[in-house]
Structures are given as C-alpha cells and as structure tokens.
C-alpha cells in the first residue's frame, strides 16, 4: 500500500516537473549575438577581387561580405579591417554607398591596419567609429591622375599609329602626343571635381568644418596619432579595440566574433599570371610590356590613391 502511494506521488512530481520544463524547453532560444570582422586589403578596383599581383578590394567583394552578414540576424556589428592605399574612384564610391546601406541595420566600425590612405580612408568615412594604430599611415586626402606620352617610345620601336577620330578631344587620352594647354585644363578640371567630392565626403561623414578639411587635404599622410588629433579617426588601438568598441556601440555584453575569410585565388587570376609568365619566357622586354599596358588602358583615370 505504501509502495503504491509512493509511486503515485512520484508520478505526480514528474507530471508537475514536465508541465514546468516542457514549455521552457519549447521556447526558441535566441542565437548569441555576433560581431563579424571583414578583411579589406589591397588596391581598390573594379577588377577581380584577387589577382597574382596581390589582393584587391572591389565593390562586388564588399557586397558579398555584407550580404552574408545581412543574412545572419545574429550579427549586430561589423568591423572592417582595412589595409589599403586606395585606388580607382568609382569603386571607392560604390563601396562607400554599400557600407552606408549596411550602417542602417548594423553598427559599423573600421579598424585601420598599417595603411588606410586616400581611397582607403575614403571608404572608412561612413563608419560609426574609426580606430587606427598610432603608427597607421592614413589621410592622403586628394586626387592624382596622369597622362602618359609614349610618342618617343613608339618612334624607338619603329611603330607608327594613324589616328582617326570624331570629336575634338577624342585622342587626347591615347598617349601618342603631347596634351595641348586646353586639354591639360580639361584634365585638371576633372581632377578638381573629384577633389571637391573627397572633401565633401570627409566634411559630411566626419563632422568636420570645410575649412579644417581643406587645410589637411593636401594629399599628405598622417600617422594614426596625428589623425586622431585632426579628427580623422576616433580612437587609437588595434583590431581588438575596434571589436570592443563595436560591441559597446551595438549595446551587447557578449558576442561571438566571426572572422570572414578573403576569397581564394580565382581561375581568371591564375590565367593572368600565366600570361605574364609567357611574356617573360618569350623575351618581352620592359619597354614591350609598358607599351602593351598603356595601349590596353588608354583612358587615364583620376585616382584616390597614395603612391609611395
């Protein structure tokens, strides 16, 4: 009788525990918060995101990274680890807009590596905060462009090029003659336009006065320490400092830190390397390779680029 009573009591206790625990177990648990670290290293270009000459940063690469972070609802903050001397203007602008769109839903912090200059700084400006090492080389706010004249080289190689054009200035970018004074003014006006755009971006994104930005937008490099004094960056520290700051800004106490990996070398990059090796084996000299490069890239592009 006592044993039967004990069994009944035990069953009642189990029923009560089940009634308490089952609803708790069935409640979906929220995924732990995450901070993702996105590496952006190399020149900024519209081309392939990896090449034999080194890594590069493209709008497509950044877009893919951000799409991956956006799909993961647990991601509350993104830290871009940037190491770049800049590059082409158009992809710099595209990347800036992509980061601004991501900022609408995620906290964005930039951690600068050894260099985040010119275009590398340009794409950093939308961030909620910028962290630099004291020794980071940054700034270089300005624009550079060039127009190569290979007329002498063509004559040395015995090459004559006949130009047929429709439009007064259509051949000014071909590099087979000197630019006229009027054409030089056209080139300078284009450079000035992009320079003004760079200044506007820094003024708007960094909250600095236009006069202050013009004073420091000389194209020169600044150390991370000096950049902090000038208001170009917010904090001094390393990647861990940036991650801690991102968590603070996103108002999260603990988080899983996920490090996104850069893309692997692509087939097209490998084919490009094969072309260079073939040129070397066939005995193509420096002059031949320079000429081919110039003829393949006729239009000189203004660049947000620090050139060492």
Protein backbone atom coordinates (compact mmCIF):
# COMPACT_ATOMS: atom_id res chain seq x y z
CA UNK A 1 0.00 0.00 0.00
CA UNK A 2 2.79 2.38 0.96
CA UNK A 3 4.72 1.44 -2.17
CA UNK A 4 1.72 2.15 -4.35
CA UNK A 5 1.29 5.52 -2.68
CA UNK A 6 4.99 6.37 -3.27
CA UNK A 7 4.65 5.55 -6.95
CA UNK A 8 1.61 7.82 -7.26
CA UNK A 9 3.45 10.67 -5.53
CA UNK A 10 6.47 10.19 -7.80
CA UNK A 11 4.27 10.28 -10.89
CA UNK A 12 2.62 13.47 -9.68
CA UNK A 13 6.02 15.11 -9.11
CA UNK A 14 7.16 14.09 -12.60
CA UNK A 15 3.95 15.47 -14.10
CA UNK A 16 4.46 18.80 -12.35
CA UNK A 17 8.10 18.98 -13.49
CA UNK A 18 7.07 18.11 -17.05
CA UNK A 19 4.41 20.82 -17.01
CA UNK A 20 7.05 23.33 -15.96
CA UNK A 21 10.01 22.23 -18.09
CA UNK A 22 8.38 21.31 -21.41
CA UNK A 23 7.10 24.84 -22.19
CA UNK A 24 10.50 26.23 -21.21
CA UNK A 25 12.30 23.79 -23.49
CA UNK A 26 9.93 24.53 -26.34
CA UNK A 27 10.60 28.28 -26.20
CA UNK A 28 13.08 29.05 -29.03
CA UNK A 29 16.33 30.35 -27.65
CA UNK A 30 17.76 33.48 -29.26
CA UNK A 31 21.00 32.93 -31.13
CA UNK A 32 24.02 34.53 -29.44
CA UNK A 33 24.96 37.95 -30.76
CA UNK A 34 27.78 38.12 -33.26
CA UNK A 35 30.39 40.62 -34.41
CA UNK A 36 31.89 39.91 -37.81
CA UNK A 37 35.34 41.06 -38.92
CA UNK A 38 35.64 41.73 -42.66
CA UNK A 39 39.16 42.00 -44.11
CA UNK A 40 39.65 44.56 -46.90
CA UNK A 41 43.22 44.54 -48.13
CA UNK A 42 44.90 45.77 -51.31
CA UNK A 43 44.14 48.24 -54.06
CA UNK A 44 40.57 49.37 -54.67
CA UNK A 45 39.47 48.45 -58.18
CA UNK A 46 36.56 47.28 -60.30
CA UNK A 47 38.51 44.17 -61.32
CA UNK A 48 38.77 40.69 -59.86
CA UNK A 49 38.89 40.51 -56.08
CA UNK A 50 42.13 38.55 -56.11
CA UNK A 51 45.00 38.61 -58.54
CA UNK A 52 48.56 37.43 -58.95
CA UNK A 53 49.83 40.91 -58.16
CA UNK A 54 48.19 40.93 -54.75
CA UNK A 55 44.78 41.12 -53.16
CA UNK A 56 42.35 43.85 -54.10
CA UNK A 57 39.12 45.38 -52.86
CA UNK A 58 36.14 45.51 -55.20
CA UNK A 59 32.50 46.59 -54.81
CA UNK A 60 31.45 43.01 -55.57
CA UNK A 61 33.65 41.64 -52.81
CA UNK A 62 32.26 44.10 -50.24
CA UNK A 63 28.71 43.47 -51.45
CA UNK A 64 29.14 39.70 -50.98
CA UNK A 65 30.58 40.14 -47.49
CA UNK A 66 27.72 42.42 -46.45
CA UNK A 67 25.05 40.16 -47.94
CA UNK A 68 26.44 37.28 -45.88
CA UNK A 69 26.36 39.41 -42.72
CA UNK A 70 22.85 40.64 -43.50
CA UNK A 71 21.51 37.08 -43.83
CA UNK A 72 22.70 36.29 -40.31
CA UNK A 73 20.25 38.04 -37.98
CA UNK A 74 22.56 37.40 -35.02
CA UNK A 75 25.13 39.81 -36.48
CA UNK A 76 24.80 43.09 -34.60
CA UNK A 77 28.05 44.78 -35.61
CA UNK A 78 30.58 44.71 -38.42
CA UNK A 79 34.26 45.60 -38.10
CA UNK A 80 36.06 46.34 -41.36
CA UNK A 81 39.79 45.71 -41.06
CA UNK A 82 41.17 47.97 -43.80
CA UNK A 83 44.70 47.94 -45.17
CA UNK A 84 44.75 49.87 -48.45
CA UNK A 85 46.43 52.80 -50.16
CA UNK A 86 43.29 53.41 -52.24
CA UNK A 87 42.69 53.08 -55.95
CA UNK A 88 40.07 53.87 -58.56
CA UNK A 89 37.44 56.48 -57.73
CA UNK A 90 34.30 54.77 -58.99
CA UNK A 91 34.68 51.59 -56.89
CA UNK A 92 35.58 53.75 -53.87
CA UNK A 93 32.24 55.49 -54.24
CA UNK A 94 30.35 52.22 -54.71
CA UNK A 95 31.94 50.70 -51.60
CA UNK A 96 31.18 53.82 -49.56
CA UNK A 97 27.49 53.55 -50.52
CA UNK A 98 27.41 49.82 -49.71
CA UNK A 99 28.82 50.49 -46.24
CA UNK A 100 26.33 53.29 -45.68
CA UNK A 101 23.46 50.95 -46.56
CA UNK A 102 24.78 48.34 -44.12
CA UNK A 103 25.01 51.02 -41.44
CA UNK A 104 21.21 51.35 -41.50
CA UNK A 105 20.85 47.97 -39.75
CA UNK A 106 24.29 47.19 -38.27
CA UNK A 107 26.86 49.02 -36.19
CA UNK A 108 29.93 49.70 -38.35
CA UNK A 109 33.45 50.20 -37.02
CA UNK A 110 36.65 50.48 -39.06
CA UNK A 111 39.95 49.12 -37.79
CA UNK A 112 42.86 50.51 -39.79
CA UNK A 113 45.91 48.36 -40.39
CA UNK A 114 49.31 49.62 -41.44
CA UNK A 115 47.80 51.85 -44.11
CA UNK A 116 44.35 53.23 -44.82
CA UNK A 117 45.17 56.16 -47.05
CA UNK A 118 43.39 58.11 -49.79
CA UNK A 119 40.70 55.74 -51.11
CA UNK A 120 41.36 53.51 -48.09
CA UNK A 121 40.40 56.46 -45.90
CA UNK A 122 37.52 57.44 -48.22
CA UNK A 123 35.74 54.10 -47.71
CA UNK A 124 36.33 54.34 -43.95
CA UNK A 125 34.43 57.60 -43.50
CA UNK A 126 30.84 56.17 -43.26
CA UNK A 127 31.74 54.11 -40.17
CA UNK A 128 30.19 54.89 -36.79
CA UNK A 129 33.75 54.97 -35.42
CA UNK A 130 37.26 54.67 -36.85
CA UNK A 131 40.08 53.03 -34.89
CA UNK A 132 43.69 53.39 -36.02
CA UNK A 133 47.02 52.20 -34.76
CA UNK A 134 49.31 55.02 -33.61
CA UNK A 135 51.59 54.01 -36.48
CA UNK A 136 48.88 53.66 -39.14
CA UNK A 137 49.54 55.74 -42.25
CA UNK A 138 46.28 57.42 -43.19
CA UNK A 139 44.92 60.61 -44.72
CA UNK A 140 46.41 61.36 -48.14
CA UNK A 141 43.17 63.16 -48.97
CA UNK A 142 43.48 64.15 -52.59
CA UNK A 143 43.33 63.02 -56.20
CA UNK A 144 46.04 62.08 -58.67
CA UNK A 145 45.96 61.46 -62.40
CA UNK A 146 48.47 61.23 -65.21
CA UNK A 147 48.60 61.30 -68.99
CA UNK A 148 51.44 59.24 -70.43
CA UNK A 149 53.08 60.26 -73.70
CA UNK A 150 54.72 57.25 -75.41
CA UNK A 151 55.47 59.00 -78.69
CA UNK A 152 59.22 58.70 -78.15
CA UNK A 153 58.93 55.02 -77.25
CA UNK A 154 56.85 54.31 -80.35
CA UNK A 155 59.43 56.02 -82.54
CA UNK A 156 62.21 54.00 -80.89
CA UNK A 157 60.32 50.79 -81.63
CA UNK A 158 59.56 51.87 -85.19
CA UNK A 159 55.81 51.94 -84.65
CA UNK A 160 53.55 54.47 -86.31
CA UNK A 161 49.91 54.87 -85.27
CA UNK A 162 47.37 56.58 -87.52
CA UNK A 163 44.55 58.21 -85.54
CA UNK A 164 41.06 58.69 -86.96
CA UNK A 165 38.72 60.48 -84.62
CA UNK A 166 35.28 62.00 -84.32
CA UNK A 167 35.36 64.63 -81.62
CA UNK A 168 37.94 67.30 -80.95
CA UNK A 169 39.42 65.73 -77.83
CA UNK A 170 38.88 62.06 -78.61
CA UNK A 171 42.60 61.29 -78.99
CA UNK A 172 43.84 63.28 -76.00
CA UNK A 173 43.90 60.14 -73.85
CA UNK A 174 45.77 57.90 -76.27
CA UNK A 175 49.22 58.97 -75.14
CA UNK A 176 50.72 59.29 -78.60
CA UNK A 177 51.19 63.07 -78.50
CA UNK A 178 51.57 65.89 -76.03
CA UNK A 179 48.45 67.39 -74.50
CA UNK A 180 47.59 70.91 -75.53
CA UNK A 181 47.21 73.62 -72.87
CA UNK A 182 43.43 73.42 -73.32
CA UNK A 183 43.45 69.65 -72.82
CA UNK A 184 45.55 69.99 -69.69
CA UNK A 185 42.93 72.37 -68.33
CA UNK A 186 40.24 69.76 -69.04
CA UNK A 187 42.22 67.11 -67.16
CA UNK A 188 42.83 69.44 -64.22
CA UNK A 189 39.16 70.42 -64.05
CA UNK A 190 38.20 66.74 -63.78
CA UNK A 191 40.76 66.18 -61.01
CA UNK A 192 39.49 69.26 -59.17
CA UNK A 193 35.92 67.98 -59.36
CA UNK A 194 36.84 64.69 -57.70
CA UNK A 195 38.96 66.53 -55.14
CA UNK A 196 35.92 68.58 -54.13
CA UNK A 197 33.91 65.35 -53.85
CA UNK A 198 36.53 63.89 -51.49
CA UNK A 199 36.42 66.99 -49.32
CA UNK A 200 32.60 66.90 -49.18
CA UNK A 201 32.66 63.25 -48.09
CA UNK A 202 35.07 63.96 -45.23
CA UNK A 203 33.12 67.05 -44.12
CA UNK A 204 29.77 65.22 -44.11
CA UNK A 205 30.85 61.84 -42.71
CA UNK A 206 33.37 63.07 -40.15
CA UNK A 207 31.51 66.17 -38.98
CA UNK A 208 34.47 68.46 -39.59
CA UNK A 209 34.34 72.01 -40.89
CA UNK A 210 35.11 72.56 -44.55
CA UNK A 211 37.94 74.95 -43.70
CA UNK A 212 39.58 72.37 -41.44
CA UNK A 213 39.29 69.64 -44.06
CA UNK A 214 40.76 71.87 -46.78
CA UNK A 215 43.69 72.67 -44.53
CA UNK A 216 44.55 68.99 -44.06
CA UNK A 217 43.50 67.74 -47.54
CA UNK A 218 46.93 68.31 -49.05
CA UNK A 219 47.49 64.73 -50.12
CA UNK A 220 49.93 64.16 -47.26
CA UNK A 221 49.99 61.15 -44.99
CA UNK A 222 49.29 61.37 -41.26
CA UNK A 223 50.17 58.90 -38.55
CA UNK A 224 47.29 57.41 -36.63
CA UNK A 225 48.17 59.58 -33.64
CA UNK A 226 48.17 62.76 -35.73
CA UNK A 227 44.95 61.71 -37.48
CA UNK A 228 43.25 61.44 -34.10
CA UNK A 229 44.38 64.97 -33.23
CA UNK A 230 42.93 66.20 -36.54
CA UNK A 231 39.62 64.39 -36.07
CA UNK A 232 40.16 61.98 -38.96
CA UNK A 233 39.91 58.95 -36.64
CA UNK A 234 38.17 58.44 -33.29
CA UNK A 235 40.29 56.06 -31.25
CA UNK A 236 43.80 54.63 -31.15
CA UNK A 237 44.07 50.88 -30.82
CA UNK A 238 44.19 47.56 -32.62
CA UNK A 239 41.58 45.18 -34.02
CA UNK A 240 40.56 44.02 -30.53
CA UNK A 241 39.97 47.66 -29.58
CA UNK A 242 37.69 48.04 -32.59
CA UNK A 243 35.77 44.86 -31.73
CA UNK A 244 35.23 46.03 -28.13
CA UNK A 245 34.06 49.42 -29.41
CA UNK A 246 31.67 47.79 -31.87
CA UNK A 247 30.12 45.74 -29.06
CA UNK A 248 29.76 48.85 -26.92
CA UNK A 249 28.08 50.81 -29.73
CA UNK A 250 25.77 47.87 -30.52
CA UNK A 251 24.90 47.62 -26.82
CA UNK A 252 25.82 43.95 -26.47
CA UNK A 253 27.65 42.47 -23.49
CA UNK A 254 28.96 39.25 -25.00
CA UNK A 255 29.29 38.15 -28.61
CA UNK A 256 30.78 35.53 -30.87
CA UNK A 257 33.43 37.13 -33.09
CA UNK A 258 33.33 35.70 -36.61
CA UNK A 259 36.26 36.36 -38.93
CA UNK A 260 35.29 36.28 -42.59
CA UNK A 261 37.99 34.84 -44.84
CA UNK A 262 39.21 36.60 -48.00
CA UNK A 263 38.31 34.93 -51.32
CA UNK A 264 40.60 32.37 -52.83
CA UNK A 265 42.64 32.94 -55.97
CA UNK A 266 40.33 32.71 -58.99
CA UNK A 267 40.81 30.95 -62.31
CA UNK A 268 40.95 34.29 -64.12
CA UNK A 269 43.70 35.49 -61.79
CA UNK A 270 45.69 32.33 -62.49
CA UNK A 271 45.24 32.85 -66.23
CA UNK A 272 46.55 36.40 -65.84
CA UNK A 273 49.63 35.05 -64.11
CA UNK A 274 50.17 32.58 -66.95
CA UNK A 275 50.08 35.45 -69.46
CA UNK A 276 52.79 37.32 -67.59
CA UNK A 277 54.97 34.21 -67.33
CA UNK A 278 54.56 33.62 -71.08
CA UNK A 279 55.61 37.18 -71.80
CA UNK A 280 58.71 36.76 -69.67
CA UNK A 281 59.64 33.44 -71.29
CA UNK A 282 59.13 34.82 -74.80
CA UNK A 283 61.68 37.54 -74.07
CA UNK A 284 59.33 40.51 -73.94
CA UNK A 285 61.30 43.40 -72.51
CA UNK A 286 60.22 46.12 -70.13
CA UNK A 287 59.50 48.52 -73.00
CA UNK A 288 57.21 46.00 -74.71
CA UNK A 289 55.27 45.30 -71.52
CA UNK A 290 54.91 49.01 -70.69
CA UNK A 291 53.65 49.70 -74.21
CA UNK A 292 51.12 46.87 -74.06
CA UNK A 293 49.90 48.06 -70.68
CA UNK A 294 49.42 51.61 -71.95
CA UNK A 295 47.63 50.54 -75.12
CA UNK A 296 45.29 48.34 -73.05
CA UNK A 297 44.44 51.23 -70.69
CA UNK A 298 44.06 54.27 -72.89
CA UNK A 299 41.97 56.44 -70.61
CA UNK A 300 43.86 57.95 -67.68
CA UNK A 301 41.73 57.69 -64.55
CA UNK A 302 41.89 60.12 -61.65
CA UNK A 303 42.58 58.07 -58.53
CA UNK A 304 42.03 58.26 -54.79
CA UNK A 305 45.46 56.72 -54.36
CA UNK A 306 48.57 57.19 -52.26
CA UNK A 307 51.58 56.27 -54.39
CA UNK A 308 54.74 55.50 -52.48
